[in-house]
Amino acid sequence: MTTVVLNGVTAPSLSAPSGHLGVIRAEGPDAASFLHGQLTQDFSLMGDTDARLAALCTAKGRVIASFIGIKPQPELILLVCSRDILASTLKRLQMYVLRAKVKLTDATEQFALYGLAGTALTANGLDAATPPGKRTAAGSDVSVVSLYPADGVPRALWIAPADQPAPVGTALDAGLWQWSEVRSGIVTLTTPVIDAFVPQMINFESVGGVNFKKGCYPGQEVVARSQFRGTLKRRTYLVQADAPVSAGQEVFAASDAEQPVGTVAQAASAPGGGWAALISMQISALEAGGLHAGAADGPALTVEPLPYALLEDI
């Protein structure tokens, strides 16, 4: 069996069922224009070979949902998000449909989602060198989204109707896939961290999740002000820990045992032991060091390089 190595952990390079994800279906003549006015991403100019990260924000610019969006048909957009926030997110979006010619539904049961890693991509006829943010059609109604790699291992998300055959290969453990999600440096928002960050605090402007040239959307003024006035003081960093950490935990630095300097945005256990996490914290705390999760004497956090560069400006 072909294997890949993720941060020293060897695992089959096949596919993992992504049961923690769900799908919102937006269909109709106004699907693109409606989502364009609600999310941080440009959906009006989106092509059928694009796959875009996007966020739904409050009026105060705080992220309450994050998505991978594709437009496989001119009047159809699929939004992939964490399943635990899908119902509340769908309800919120439906409140603003008004006269727009778009129908929003929970289509999770209509689709099968798989994560592909390593040689699983080529085994399914895909180009492992495709850069993140692209959609490839892989047969009838099957979309494959190229994702950010984890530890240099190429990854993709397979989105297909539930009645279509699964991708080739024996399934990876779902936990390993979620760990690779953390190692990729891309935050998938879940319930514990709803309303905790503006998009830049989870590096969304650095990974193509915010379009600063599009029109207004809820929270747009706050997001733009954070970018252009240099007021952003927090970023997301990749860390390792030897003990369990979880999304929503506070992060403390050695310089102050009382006041938290950040929040765990996402975490997953490593199959070989240990934990990986993405923490959003004060930029100044990175230099202070001595980071711990949960409390000043909680699990120690070791910062590692992100797999992408943080943008200084746009």
C-alpha atoms as a PDB file:
ATOM      1  CA  MET A   1       0.000   0.000   0.000  1.00  0.00           C
ATOM      2  CA  THR A   2       1.357   3.419  -0.935  1.00  0.00           C
ATOM      3  CA  THR A   3       1.934   5.702   2.025  1.00  0.00           C
ATOM      4  CA  VAL A   4       2.558   9.360   2.790  1.00  0.00           C
ATOM      5  CA  VAL A   5       4.225  10.970   5.770  1.00  0.00           C
ATOM      6  CA  LEU A   6       2.469  13.840   7.538  1.00  0.00           C
ATOM      7  CA  ASN A   7       4.853  15.444  10.025  1.00  0.00           C
ATOM      8  CA  GLY A   8       6.586  12.154  10.711  1.00  0.00           C
ATOM      9  CA  VAL A   9       3.391  10.070  10.843  1.00  0.00           C
ATOM     10  CA  THR A  10       3.130   7.487   8.090  1.00  0.00           C
ATOM     11  CA  ALA A  11      -0.353   6.778   6.749  1.00  0.00           C
ATOM     12  CA  PRO A  12      -2.075   5.331   3.678  1.00  0.00           C
ATOM     13  CA  SER A  13      -2.305   7.990   0.963  1.00  0.00           C
ATOM     14  CA  LEU A  14      -5.877   7.230   0.076  1.00  0.00           C
ATOM     15  CA  SER A  15      -9.230   8.803   0.892  1.00  0.00           C
ATOM     16  CA  ALA A  16     -11.001   9.732   4.103  1.00  0.00           C
ATOM     17  CA  PRO A  17     -14.778  10.174   4.447  1.00  0.00           C
ATOM     18  CA  SER A  18     -15.376  13.769   5.545  1.00  0.00           C
ATOM     19  CA  GLY A  19     -18.400  13.238   7.773  1.00  0.00           C
ATOM     20  CA  HIS A  20     -17.725  16.414   9.743  1.00  0.00           C
ATOM     21  CA  LEU A  21     -18.581  18.552   6.697  1.00  0.00           C
ATOM     22  CA  GLY A  22     -21.920  19.531   5.202  1.00  0.00           C
ATOM     23  CA  VAL A  23     -23.167  21.170   2.004  1.00  0.00           C
ATOM     24  CA  ILE A  24     -25.419  24.178   1.464  1.00  0.00           C
ATOM     25  CA  ARG A  25     -26.946  24.327  -2.008  1.00  0.00           C
ATOM     26  CA  ALA A  26     -27.742  27.724  -3.548  1.00  0.00           C
ATOM     27  CA  GLU A  27     -29.676  27.429  -6.790  1.00  0.00           C
ATOM     28  CA  GLY A  28     -31.377  29.946  -9.035  1.00  0.00           C
ATOM     29  CA  PRO A  29     -30.692  32.901 -11.363  1.00  0.00           C
ATOM     30  CA  ASP A  30     -29.615  35.074  -8.411  1.00  0.00           C
ATOM     31  CA  ALA A  31     -27.514  32.481  -6.567  1.00  0.00           C
ATOM     32  CA  ALA A  32     -24.184  34.137  -7.379  1.00  0.00           C
ATOM     33  CA  SER A  33     -25.319  37.727  -6.854  1.00  0.00           C
ATOM     34  CA  PHE A  34     -27.023  36.852  -3.565  1.00  0.00           C
ATOM     35  CA  LEU A  35     -23.953  35.145  -2.088  1.00  0.00           C
ATOM     36  CA  HIS A  36     -21.752  37.899  -3.490  1.00  0.00           C
ATOM     37  CA  GLY A  37     -23.662  40.340  -1.274  1.00  0.00           C
ATOM     38  CA  GLN A  38     -23.471  38.170   1.843  1.00  0.00           C
ATOM     39  CA  LEU A  39     -19.960  36.683   1.926  1.00  0.00           C
ATOM     40  CA  THR A  40     -16.386  37.966   1.849  1.00  0.00           C
ATOM     41  CA  GLN A  41     -15.708  36.427  -1.555  1.00  0.00           C
ATOM     42  CA  ASP A  42     -16.495  37.457  -5.143  1.00  0.00           C
ATOM     43  CA  PHE A  43     -19.042  34.958  -6.413  1.00  0.00           C
ATOM     44  CA  SER A  44     -20.319  37.060  -9.322  1.00  0.00           C
ATOM     45  CA  LEU A  45     -17.127  36.566 -11.352  1.00  0.00           C
ATOM     46  CA  MET A  46     -16.524  33.034 -10.151  1.00  0.00           C
ATOM     47  CA  GLY A  47     -15.793  30.529 -12.923  1.00  0.00           C
ATOM     48  CA  ASP A  48     -16.583  26.828 -13.061  1.00  0.00           C
ATOM     49  CA  THR A  49     -12.910  25.970 -12.523  1.00  0.00           C
ATOM     50  CA  ASP A  50     -12.641  28.142  -9.391  1.00  0.00           C
ATOM     51  CA  ALA A  51     -12.944  27.033  -5.766  1.00  0.00           C
ATOM     52  CA  ARG A  52     -12.949  29.838  -3.251  1.00  0.00           C
ATOM     53  CA  LEU A  53     -12.699  30.209   0.488  1.00  0.00           C
ATOM     54  CA  ALA A  54     -15.258  32.611   1.944  1.00  0.00           C
ATOM     55  CA  ALA A  55     -16.617  33.773   5.287  1.00  0.00           C
ATOM     56  CA  LEU A  56     -19.991  34.930   6.577  1.00  0.00           C
ATOM     57  CA  CYS A  57     -19.584  37.785   9.040  1.00  0.00           C
ATOM     58  CA  THR A  58     -21.699  39.727  11.487  1.00  0.00           C
ATOM     59  CA  ALA A  59     -22.177  43.478  11.127  1.00  0.00           C
ATOM     60  CA  LYS A  60     -19.158  43.833  13.441  1.00  0.00           C
ATOM     61  CA  GLY A  61     -16.984  41.857  11.025  1.00  0.00           C
ATOM     62  CA  ARG A  62     -16.809  38.701  13.141  1.00  0.00           C
ATOM     63  CA  VAL A  63     -16.767  35.368  11.307  1.00  0.00           C
ATOM     64  CA  ILE A  64     -19.740  33.098  12.042  1.00  0.00           C
ATOM     65  CA  ALA A  65     -19.143  30.585   9.242  1.00  0.00           C
ATOM     66  CA  SER A  66     -16.416  29.671   6.763  1.00  0.00           C
ATOM     67  CA  PHE A  67     -16.873  27.893   3.436  1.00  0.00           C
ATOM     68  CA  ILE A  68     -15.313  26.353   0.389  1.00  0.00           C
ATOM     69  CA  GLY A  69     -17.482  27.487  -2.519  1.00  0.00           C
ATOM     70  CA  ILE A  70     -17.745  26.107  -6.062  1.00  0.00           C
ATOM     71  CA  LYS A  71     -20.018  26.880  -9.011  1.00  0.00           C
ATOM     72  CA  PRO A  72     -20.351  23.660 -11.024  1.00  0.00           C
ATOM     73  CA  GLN A  73     -23.252  25.098 -13.042  1.00  0.00           C
ATOM     74  CA  PRO A  74     -24.141  28.702 -14.001  1.00  0.00           C
ATOM     75  CA  GLU A  75     -27.059  28.849 -11.536  1.00  0.00           C
ATOM     76  CA  LEU A  76     -25.738  26.461  -8.888  1.00  0.00           C
ATOM     77  CA  ILE A  77     -23.285  27.146  -6.058  1.00  0.00           C
ATOM     78  CA  LEU A  78     -22.271  24.631  -3.412  1.00  0.00           C
ATOM     79  CA  LEU A  79     -20.925  25.823  -0.066  1.00  0.00           C
ATOM     80  CA  VAL A  80     -19.032  23.286   2.054  1.00  0.00           C
ATOM     81  CA  CYS A  81     -18.842  24.102   5.766  1.00  0.00           C
ATOM     82  CA  SER A  82     -18.559  22.401   9.131  1.00  0.00           C
ATOM     83  CA  ARG A  83     -21.680  20.321   9.696  1.00  0.00           C
ATOM     84  CA  ASP A  84     -22.162  21.528  13.275  1.00  0.00           C
ATOM     85  CA  ILE A  85     -22.833  25.112  12.170  1.00  0.00           C
ATOM     86  CA  LEU A  86     -24.705  24.371   8.946  1.00  0.00           C
ATOM     87  CA  ALA A  87     -28.282  24.623  10.259  1.00  0.00           C
ATOM     88  CA  SER A  88     -27.780  27.993  11.964  1.00  0.00           C
ATOM     89  CA  THR A  89     -25.811  29.319   8.988  1.00  0.00           C
ATOM     90  CA  LEU A  90     -28.480  28.254   6.515  1.00  0.00           C
ATOM     91  CA  LYS A  91     -31.196  29.863   8.627  1.00  0.00           C
ATOM     92  CA  ARG A  92     -29.284  33.137   8.774  1.00  0.00           C
ATOM     93  CA  LEU A  93     -28.693  33.237   5.030  1.00  0.00           C
ATOM     94  CA  GLN A  94     -32.342  32.436   4.300  1.00  0.00           C
ATOM     95  CA  MET A  95     -33.395  35.489   6.312  1.00  0.00           C
ATOM     96  CA  TYR A  96     -31.853  37.758   3.670  1.00  0.00           C
ATOM     97  CA  VAL A  97     -33.134  36.092   0.509  1.00  0.00           C
ATOM     98  CA  LEU A  98     -36.195  38.388   0.303  1.00  0.00           C
ATOM     99  CA  ARG A  99     -36.996  38.775  -3.411  1.00  0.00           C
ATOM    100  CA  ALA A 100     -33.792  37.233  -4.715  1.00  0.00           C
ATOM    101  CA  LYS A 101     -34.374  34.335  -7.090  1.00  0.00           C
ATOM    102  CA  VAL A 102     -32.367  31.783  -5.170  1.00  0.00           C
ATOM    103  CA  LYS A 103     -33.265  28.693  -3.169  1.00  0.00           C
ATOM    104  CA  LEU A 104     -31.036  27.712  -0.252  1.00  0.00           C
ATOM    105  CA  THR A 105     -31.188  24.162   1.098  1.00  0.00           C
ATOM    106  CA  ASP A 106     -29.237  21.727   3.249  1.00  0.00           C
ATOM    107  CA  ALA A 107     -27.909  19.317   0.615  1.00  0.00           C
ATOM    108  CA  THR A 108     -25.609  17.328   2.903  1.00  0.00           C
ATOM    109  CA  GLU A 109     -27.462  14.051   2.403  1.00  0.00           C
ATOM    110  CA  GLN A 110     -27.363  14.504  -1.373  1.00  0.00           C
ATOM    111  CA  PHE A 111     -23.568  14.525  -1.538  1.00  0.00           C
ATOM    112  CA  ALA A 112     -20.659  12.305  -0.526  1.00  0.00           C
ATOM    113  CA  LEU A 113     -17.485  14.108   0.525  1.00  0.00           C
ATOM    114  CA  TYR A 114     -14.028  12.527   0.623  1.00  0.00           C
ATOM    115  CA  GLY A 115     -10.618  13.937   1.421  1.00  0.00           C
ATOM    116  CA  LEU A 116      -7.828  12.794  -0.896  1.00  0.00           C
ATOM    117  CA  ALA A 117      -4.151  12.871   0.088  1.00  0.00           C
ATOM    118  CA  GLY A 118      -0.877  12.003  -1.632  1.00  0.00           C
ATOM    119  CA  THR A 119      -1.068   9.483  -4.468  1.00  0.00           C
ATOM    120  CA  ALA A 120      -4.829   9.173  -4.014  1.00  0.00           C
ATOM    121  CA  LEU A 121      -5.047  12.186  -6.319  1.00  0.00           C
ATOM    122  CA  THR A 122      -3.209  10.572  -9.224  1.00  0.00           C
ATOM    123  CA  ALA A 123      -4.973   7.265  -8.576  1.00  0.00           C
ATOM    124  CA  ASN A 124      -8.204   9.077  -9.344  1.00  0.00           C
ATOM    125  CA  GLY A 125      -6.887  10.748 -12.472  1.00  0.00           C
ATOM    126  CA  LEU A 126      -6.104  14.108 -10.852  1.00  0.00           C
ATOM    127  CA  ASP A 127      -3.069  16.351 -11.178  1.00  0.00           C
ATOM    128  CA  ALA A 128      -1.393  16.528  -7.764  1.00  0.00           C
ATOM    129  CA  ALA A 129       0.370  19.741  -8.822  1.00  0.00           C
ATOM    130  CA  THR A 130      -2.866  21.716  -9.215  1.00  0.00           C
ATOM    131  CA  PRO A 131      -2.592  24.812  -6.989  1.00  0.00           C
ATOM    132  CA  PRO A 132      -5.095  25.443  -4.180  1.00  0.00           C
ATOM    133  CA  GLY A 133      -8.327  27.132  -5.170  1.00  0.00           C
ATOM    134  CA  LYS A 134      -9.135  25.178  -8.310  1.00  0.00           C
ATOM    135  CA  ARG A 135     -12.075  22.936  -9.169  1.00  0.00           C
ATOM    136  CA  THR A 136     -11.630  19.943 -11.460  1.00  0.00           C
ATOM    137  CA  ALA A 137     -14.546  18.042 -12.971  1.00  0.00           C
ATOM    138  CA  ALA A 138     -13.933  14.316 -12.426  1.00  0.00           C
ATOM    139  CA  GLY A 139     -16.762  12.637 -14.279  1.00  0.00           C
ATOM    140  CA  SER A 140     -20.484  13.288 -14.229  1.00  0.00           C
ATOM    141  CA  ASP A 141     -21.402  15.826 -11.522  1.00  0.00           C
ATOM    142  CA  VAL A 142     -18.191  15.129  -9.566  1.00  0.00           C
ATOM    143  CA  SER A 143     -16.104  18.091  -8.412  1.00  0.00           C
ATOM    144  CA  VAL A 144     -12.621  17.888  -6.922  1.00  0.00           C
ATOM    145  CA  VAL A 145     -11.318  20.944  -5.070  1.00  0.00           C
ATOM    146  CA  SER A 146      -7.561  21.360  -4.703  1.00  0.00           C
ATOM    147  CA  LEU A 147      -6.702  22.257  -1.105  1.00  0.00           C
ATOM    148  CA  TYR A 148      -3.672  23.617   0.677  1.00  0.00           C
ATOM    149  CA  PRO A 149      -1.141  20.824   1.264  1.00  0.00           C
ATOM    150  CA  ALA A 150      -0.235  19.451   4.688  1.00  0.00           C
ATOM    151  CA  ASP A 151       3.486  18.988   5.330  1.00  0.00           C
ATOM    152  CA  GLY A 152       4.033  19.118   1.582  1.00  0.00           C
ATOM    153  CA  VAL A 153       1.501  16.351   0.882  1.00  0.00           C
ATOM    154  CA  PRO A 154      -1.026  17.397  -1.816  1.00  0.00           C
ATOM    155  CA  ARG A 155      -4.678  17.214  -0.772  1.00  0.00           C
ATOM    156  CA  ALA A 156      -8.081  17.618  -2.387  1.00  0.00           C
ATOM    157  CA  LEU A 157     -11.769  17.455  -1.509  1.00  0.00           C
ATOM    158  CA  TRP A 158     -13.973  15.116  -3.558  1.00  0.00           C
ATOM    159  CA  ILE A 159     -17.598  16.317  -3.848  1.00  0.00           C
ATOM    160  CA  ALA A 160     -20.016  14.005  -5.631  1.00  0.00           C
ATOM    161  CA  PRO A 161     -23.700  13.046  -5.636  1.00  0.00           C
ATOM    162  CA  ALA A 162     -24.351  10.420  -2.978  1.00  0.00           C
ATOM    163  CA  ASP A 163     -25.206   7.796  -5.606  1.00  0.00           C
ATOM    164  CA  GLN A 164     -21.873   8.163  -7.422  1.00  0.00           C
ATOM    165  CA  PRO A 165     -19.031   5.663  -6.846  1.00  0.00           C
ATOM    166  CA  ALA A 166     -16.530   6.596  -4.143  1.00  0.00           C
ATOM    167  CA  PRO A 167     -13.008   7.602  -5.204  1.00  0.00           C
ATOM    168  CA  VAL A 168     -10.493   4.826  -5.708  1.00  0.00           C
ATOM    169  CA  GLY A 169      -8.677   3.581  -2.617  1.00  0.00           C
ATOM    170  CA  THR A 170      -9.096   2.346   0.922  1.00  0.00           C
ATOM    171  CA  ALA A 171     -10.345   5.013   3.303  1.00  0.00           C
ATOM    172  CA  LEU A 172      -7.993   6.801   5.646  1.00  0.00           C
ATOM    173  CA  ASP A 173      -8.988   7.190   9.256  1.00  0.00           C
ATOM    174  CA  ALA A 174     -11.183  10.304   9.454  1.00  0.00           C
ATOM    175  CA  GLY A 175      -9.125  11.563  12.392  1.00  0.00           C
ATOM    176  CA  LEU A 176      -5.976  11.639  10.280  1.00  0.00           C
ATOM    177  CA  TRP A 177      -7.755  13.719   7.668  1.00  0.00           C
ATOM    178  CA  GLN A 178      -8.883  16.244  10.271  1.00  0.00           C
ATOM    179  CA  TRP A 179      -5.309  16.393  11.522  1.00  0.00           C
ATOM    180  CA  SER A 180      -4.121  17.148   7.994  1.00  0.00           C
ATOM    181  CA  GLU A 181      -6.713  19.942   7.864  1.00  0.00           C
ATOM    182  CA  VAL A 182      -5.043  21.583  10.850  1.00  0.00           C
ATOM    183  CA  ARG A 183      -1.562  20.992   9.408  1.00  0.00           C
ATOM    184  CA  SER A 184      -2.667  22.788   6.211  1.00  0.00           C
ATOM    185  CA  GLY A 185      -3.071  26.009   8.202  1.00  0.00           C
ATOM    186  CA  ILE A 186      -6.620  26.718   6.964  1.00  0.00           C
ATOM    187  CA  VAL A 187      -9.193  27.241   9.712  1.00  0.00           C
ATOM    188  CA  THR A 188     -12.607  25.617   9.326  1.00  0.00           C
ATOM    189  CA  LEU A 189     -14.917  27.486  11.680  1.00  0.00           C
ATOM    190  CA  THR A 190     -16.864  25.396  14.225  1.00  0.00           C
ATOM    191  CA  THR A 191     -19.287  26.150  17.055  1.00  0.00           C
ATOM    192  CA  PRO A 192     -16.735  26.905  19.832  1.00  0.00           C
ATOM    193  CA  VAL A 193     -15.245  29.824  17.884  1.00  0.00           C
ATOM    194  CA  ILE A 194     -18.283  31.403  16.233  1.00  0.00           C
ATOM    195  CA  ASP A 195     -18.076  35.206  16.450  1.00  0.00           C
ATOM    196  CA  ALA A 196     -14.501  35.084  17.805  1.00  0.00           C
ATOM    197  CA  PHE A 197     -12.440  36.432  14.887  1.00  0.00           C
ATOM    198  CA  VAL A 198     -12.428  38.915  12.041  1.00  0.00           C
ATOM    199  CA  PRO A 199     -11.285  37.161   8.830  1.00  0.00           C
ATOM    200  CA  GLN A 200      -7.695  38.408   9.058  1.00  0.00           C
ATOM    201  CA  MET A 201      -7.331  36.888  12.545  1.00  0.00           C
ATOM    202  CA  ILE A 202      -7.596  33.466  10.873  1.00  0.00           C
ATOM    203  CA  ASN A 203      -5.377  34.548   7.932  1.00  0.00           C
ATOM    204  CA  PHE A 204      -8.228  34.497   5.438  1.00  0.00           C
ATOM    205  CA  GLU A 205      -6.883  37.484   3.509  1.00  0.00           C
ATOM    206  CA  SER A 206      -3.601  35.564   3.034  1.00  0.00           C
ATOM    207  CA  VAL A 207      -5.235  32.413   1.626  1.00  0.00           C
ATOM    208  CA  GLY A 208      -7.704  34.016  -0.784  1.00  0.00           C
ATOM    209  CA  GLY A 209     -10.725  34.079   1.526  1.00  0.00           C
ATOM    210  CA  VAL A 210     -11.383  37.841   1.323  1.00  0.00           C
ATOM    211  CA  ASN A 211     -11.831  39.939  -1.793  1.00  0.00           C
ATOM    212  CA  PHE A 212     -11.196  43.602  -0.989  1.00  0.00           C
ATOM    213  CA  LYS A 213     -12.330  44.808  -4.422  1.00  0.00           C
ATOM    214  CA  LYS A 214     -15.889  43.472  -4.329  1.00  0.00           C
ATOM    215  CA  GLY A 215     -18.972  45.294  -3.126  1.00  0.00           C
ATOM    216  CA  CYS A 216     -20.462  45.461   0.333  1.00  0.00           C
ATOM    217  CA  TYR A 217     -21.356  42.548   2.581  1.00  0.00           C
ATOM    218  CA  PRO A 218     -22.173  42.385   6.308  1.00  0.00           C
ATOM    219  CA  GLY A 219     -19.108  43.506   8.255  1.00  0.00           C
ATOM    220  CA  GLN A 220     -17.265  44.747   5.167  1.00  0.00           C
ATOM    221  CA  GLU A 221     -16.360  48.132   6.660  1.00  0.00           C
ATOM    222  CA  VAL A 222     -14.772  46.554   9.736  1.00  0.00           C
ATOM    223  CA  VAL A 223     -12.848  44.004   7.671  1.00  0.00           C
ATOM    224  CA  ALA A 224     -11.563  46.677   5.286  1.00  0.00           C
ATOM    225  CA  ARG A 225     -10.610  49.034   8.113  1.00  0.00           C
ATOM    226  CA  SER A 226      -8.604  46.276   9.811  1.00  0.00           C
ATOM    227  CA  GLN A 227      -6.685  45.791   6.576  1.00  0.00           C
ATOM    228  CA  PHE A 228      -6.052  49.328   5.423  1.00  0.00           C
ATOM    229  CA  ARG A 229      -5.517  51.131   8.717  1.00  0.00           C
ATOM    230  CA  GLY A 230      -3.011  48.633  10.062  1.00  0.00           C
ATOM    231  CA  THR A 231      -5.103  47.853  13.131  1.00  0.00           C
ATOM    232  CA  LEU A 232      -4.749  44.078  12.900  1.00  0.00           C
ATOM    233  CA  LYS A 233      -2.952  42.792  15.984  1.00  0.00           C
ATOM    234  CA  ARG A 234      -3.757  39.065  15.806  1.00  0.00           C
ATOM    235  CA  ARG A 235      -2.821  36.281  13.412  1.00  0.00           C
ATOM    236  CA  THR A 236      -3.235  32.518  13.289  1.00  0.00           C
ATOM    237  CA  TYR A 237      -0.232  30.270  13.878  1.00  0.00           C
ATOM    238  CA  LEU A 238       0.364  26.522  13.595  1.00  0.00           C
ATOM    239  CA  VAL A 239       1.438  24.826  16.819  1.00  0.00           C
ATOM    240  CA  GLN A 240       2.084  21.389  18.280  1.00  0.00           C
ATOM    241  CA  ALA A 241       1.233  20.168  21.782  1.00  0.00           C
ATOM    242  CA  ASP A 242       1.964  16.994  23.741  1.00  0.00           C
ATOM    243  CA  ALA A 243      -1.418  17.065  25.548  1.00  0.00           C
ATOM    244  CA  PRO A 244      -5.004  17.536  24.330  1.00  0.00           C
ATOM    245  CA  VAL A 245      -6.115  20.975  23.179  1.00  0.00           C
ATOM    246  CA  SER A 246      -9.495  22.004  21.773  1.00  0.00           C
ATOM    247  CA  ALA A 247     -11.116  24.781  19.782  1.00  0.00           C
ATOM    248  CA  GLY A 248     -12.237  27.657  21.969  1.00  0.00           C
ATOM    249  CA  GLN A 249      -9.529  27.244  24.619  1.00  0.00           C
ATOM    250  CA  GLU A 250      -7.704  30.411  25.610  1.00  0.00           C
ATOM    251  CA  VAL A 251      -3.972  30.726  24.979  1.00  0.00           C
ATOM    252  CA  PHE A 252      -1.573  32.234  27.533  1.00  0.00           C
ATOM    253  CA  ALA A 253       1.996  33.527  27.188  1.00  0.00           C
ATOM    254  CA  ALA A 254       4.828  33.463  29.694  1.00  0.00           C
ATOM    255  CA  SER A 255       4.717  37.240  29.967  1.00  0.00           C
ATOM    256  CA  ASP A 256       1.225  37.280  31.556  1.00  0.00           C
ATOM    257  CA  ALA A 257      -0.307  34.360  33.433  1.00  0.00           C
ATOM    258  CA  GLU A 258      -3.621  36.173  33.957  1.00  0.00           C
ATOM    259  CA  GLN A 259      -4.635  37.620  30.599  1.00  0.00           C
ATOM    260  CA  PRO A 260      -5.055  35.345  27.555  1.00  0.00           C
ATOM    261  CA  VAL A 261      -3.240  36.352  24.388  1.00  0.00           C
ATOM    262  CA  GLY A 262      -5.268  34.237  21.984  1.00  0.00           C
ATOM    263  CA  THR A 263      -7.692  31.427  21.248  1.00  0.00           C
ATOM    264  CA  VAL A 264      -7.393  27.922  19.825  1.00  0.00           C
ATOM    265  CA  ALA A 265      -9.232  28.100  16.507  1.00  0.00           C
ATOM    266  CA  GLN A 266      -8.972  24.414  15.533  1.00  0.00           C
ATOM    267  CA  ALA A 267      -7.239  21.315  16.864  1.00  0.00           C
ATOM    268  CA  ALA A 268      -6.850  17.613  16.100  1.00  0.00           C
ATOM    269  CA  SER A 269      -5.018  14.672  17.601  1.00  0.00           C
ATOM    270  CA  ALA A 270      -2.092  13.124  15.772  1.00  0.00           C
ATOM    271  CA  PRO A 271      -2.278   9.381  15.070  1.00  0.00           C
ATOM    272  CA  GLY A 272       1.283   8.957  16.349  1.00  0.00           C
ATOM    273  CA  GLY A 273       0.604  10.888  19.555  1.00  0.00           C
ATOM    274  CA  GLY A 274       0.401  14.574  20.347  1.00  0.00           C
ATOM    275  CA  TRP A 275      -1.853  17.298  18.990  1.00  0.00           C
ATOM    276  CA  ALA A 276      -1.773  19.915  16.270  1.00  0.00           C
ATOM    277  CA  ALA A 277      -3.637  23.208  16.547  1.00  0.00           C
ATOM    278  CA  LEU A 278      -4.213  26.540  14.886  1.00  0.00           C
ATOM    279  CA  ILE A 279      -4.191  29.394  17.372  1.00  0.00           C
ATOM    280  CA  SER A 280      -5.268  32.966  16.721  1.00  0.00           C
ATOM    281  CA  MET A 281      -3.279  35.226  19.006  1.00  0.00           C
ATOM    282  CA  GLN A 282      -1.631  38.603  19.458  1.00  0.00           C
ATOM    283  CA  ILE A 283       1.299  39.050  17.118  1.00  0.00           C
ATOM    284  CA  SER A 284       3.372  40.402  20.001  1.00  0.00           C
ATOM    285  CA  ALA A 285       2.871  37.129  21.926  1.00  0.00           C
ATOM    286  CA  LEU A 286       4.795  35.242  19.271  1.00  0.00           C
ATOM    287  CA  GLU A 287       7.983  36.986  20.382  1.00  0.00           C
ATOM    288  CA  ALA A 288       7.177  36.575  24.091  1.00  0.00           C
ATOM    289  CA  GLY A 289       7.024  32.789  23.760  1.00  0.00           C
ATOM    290  CA  GLY A 290       6.119  30.389  26.545  1.00  0.00           C
ATOM    291  CA  LEU A 291       2.695  29.629  25.058  1.00  0.00           C
ATOM    292  CA  HIS A 292       0.203  27.366  26.826  1.00  0.00           C
ATOM    293  CA  ALA A 293      -3.383  26.286  26.102  1.00  0.00           C
ATOM    294  CA  GLY A 294      -6.201  26.607  28.615  1.00  0.00           C
ATOM    295  CA  ALA A 295      -4.140  28.132  31.426  1.00  0.00           C
ATOM    296  CA  ALA A 296      -0.674  29.497  32.097  1.00  0.00           C
ATOM    297  CA  ASP A 297       0.369  26.004  33.217  1.00  0.00           C
ATOM    298  CA  GLY A 298      -1.637  24.164  30.552  1.00  0.00           C
ATOM    299  CA  PRO A 299      -0.254  22.156  27.627  1.00  0.00           C
ATOM    300  CA  ALA A 300       2.838  23.813  26.151  1.00  0.00           C
ATOM    301  CA  LEU A 301       2.475  24.988  22.538  1.00  0.00           C
ATOM    302  CA  THR A 302       5.382  24.891  20.100  1.00  0.00           C
ATOM    303  CA  VAL A 303       5.018  27.219  17.108  1.00  0.00           C
ATOM    304  CA  GLU A 304       5.838  25.824  13.659  1.00  0.00           C
ATOM    305  CA  PRO A 305       6.077  27.552  10.259  1.00  0.00           C
ATOM    306  CA  LEU A 306       2.830  28.011   8.379  1.00  0.00           C
ATOM    307  CA  PRO A 307       2.647  26.311   4.984  1.00  0.00           C
ATOM    308  CA  TYR A 308       1.914  29.669   3.337  1.00  0.00           C
ATOM    309  CA  ALA A 309       3.155  33.257   3.626  1.00  0.00           C
ATOM    310  CA  LEU A 310       1.199  35.879   5.552  1.00  0.00           C
ATOM    311  CA  LEU A 311       0.464  38.910   3.426  1.00  0.00           C
ATOM    312  CA  GLU A 312       1.749  42.200   4.724  1.00  0.00           C
ATOM    313  CA  ASP A 313      -0.639  44.133   2.507  1.00  0.00           C
ATOM    314  CA  ILE A 314      -2.891  43.644  -0.498  1.00  0.00           C
END
